[in-house]
Amino acid sequence: MSGAVTLHIGALALPGLSEAEAARAARAFEAELAALLERHGLPPGIRPADLERIDLGRLPVGAGTPEAMGRELARALLRRLGP
């Protein structure tokens, strides 16, 4: 990636999870998103300003651990942004 991206996640709503599970999912989401951005950068045509607020809406997430849910949400975010 040619430039640095600073990411701050203000809120990640994960209904149905306990506070501890939501924290685990959020950490996995943040780690996966950082790794994907480091590896691939932002999708073509997306500017950092486009990311000020993103509502992913309802995303299908398979059953699994909170960590798996967080990783899948990060991948879904980038798919939504992509071409």
Protein backbone atom coordinates (compact mmCIF):
# COMPACT_ATOMS: atom_id res chain seq x y z
CA MET A 1 0.00 0.00 0.00
CA SER A 2 1.41 3.37 -0.96
CA GLY A 3 -0.15 5.52 1.79
CA ALA A 4 -1.11 5.06 5.38
CA VAL A 5 -4.74 4.68 6.38
CA THR A 6 -5.77 5.52 9.92
CA LEU A 7 -8.85 3.66 10.98
CA HIS A 8 -11.07 4.49 13.93
CA ILE A 9 -14.14 2.37 14.52
CA GLY A 10 -16.59 4.43 16.53
CA ALA A 11 -19.22 1.74 16.89
CA LEU A 12 -19.73 -1.80 15.73
CA ALA A 13 -23.21 -3.06 16.61
CA LEU A 14 -23.38 -6.82 17.03
CA PRO A 15 -26.82 -7.68 18.44
CA GLY A 16 -27.18 -11.05 20.09
CA LEU A 17 -23.65 -11.23 21.46
CA SER A 18 -22.66 -10.76 25.05
CA GLU A 19 -20.43 -7.80 25.84
CA ALA A 20 -17.37 -10.08 26.00
CA GLU A 21 -18.26 -11.81 22.72
CA ALA A 22 -18.86 -8.45 21.00
CA ALA A 23 -15.46 -7.23 22.19
CA ARG A 24 -13.81 -10.36 20.75
CA ALA A 25 -15.65 -9.91 17.44
CA ALA A 26 -14.71 -6.22 17.30
CA ARG A 27 -11.02 -7.00 17.87
CA ALA A 28 -11.10 -9.64 15.13
CA PHE A 29 -12.92 -7.22 12.80
CA GLU A 30 -10.34 -4.51 13.39
CA ALA A 31 -7.38 -6.89 12.96
CA GLU A 32 -8.77 -8.45 9.77
CA LEU A 33 -9.67 -5.09 8.25
CA ALA A 34 -6.20 -3.71 9.04
CA ALA A 35 -4.57 -6.79 7.48
CA LEU A 36 -6.73 -6.58 4.35
CA LEU A 37 -6.04 -2.86 3.93
CA GLU A 38 -2.33 -3.42 4.47
CA ARG A 39 -2.31 -6.18 1.88
CA HIS A 40 -4.63 -4.66 -0.73
CA GLY A 41 -5.17 -1.00 0.12
CA LEU A 42 -8.49 0.71 -0.47
CA PRO A 43 -10.56 -0.49 -3.42
CA PRO A 44 -10.04 1.56 -6.61
CA GLY A 45 -11.97 4.81 -6.62
CA ILE A 46 -12.54 4.85 -2.85
CA ARG A 47 -11.13 7.82 -0.97
CA PRO A 48 -10.60 7.87 2.80
CA ALA A 49 -13.33 10.55 3.01
CA ASP A 50 -15.79 8.01 1.55
CA LEU A 51 -15.29 5.92 4.68
CA GLU A 52 -16.39 8.52 7.22
CA ARG A 53 -19.53 6.58 8.05
CA ILE A 54 -20.46 3.19 6.68
CA ASP A 55 -23.59 1.27 7.56
CA LEU A 56 -23.20 -2.35 6.53
CA GLY A 57 -26.85 -3.01 7.24
CA ARG A 58 -27.73 -6.64 7.78
CA LEU A 59 -25.09 -9.04 6.63
CA PRO A 60 -25.45 -12.79 6.65
CA VAL A 61 -22.84 -14.21 8.99
CA GLY A 62 -22.50 -17.93 9.40
CA ALA A 63 -22.52 -19.51 12.80
CA GLY A 64 -19.17 -19.61 14.45
CA THR A 65 -17.01 -17.89 16.98
CA PRO A 66 -17.12 -14.16 17.60
CA GLU A 67 -13.67 -13.98 16.00
CA ALA A 68 -14.93 -15.65 12.82
CA MET A 69 -17.87 -13.24 12.76
CA GLY A 70 -15.53 -10.25 13.08
CA ARG A 71 -13.29 -11.47 10.27
CA GLU A 72 -16.28 -12.10 7.98
CA LEU A 73 -17.66 -8.63 8.69
CA ALA A 74 -14.32 -7.06 7.72
CA ARG A 75 -14.29 -8.97 4.43
CA ALA A 76 -17.93 -7.99 3.82
CA LEU A 77 -17.08 -4.34 4.35
CA LEU A 78 -14.41 -4.43 1.67
CA ARG A 79 -16.69 -6.34 -0.70
CA ARG A 80 -19.34 -3.62 -0.27
CA LEU A 81 -16.78 -0.95 -1.10
CA GLY A 82 -15.27 -2.77 -4.06
CA PRO A 83 -16.16 -2.37 -7.71
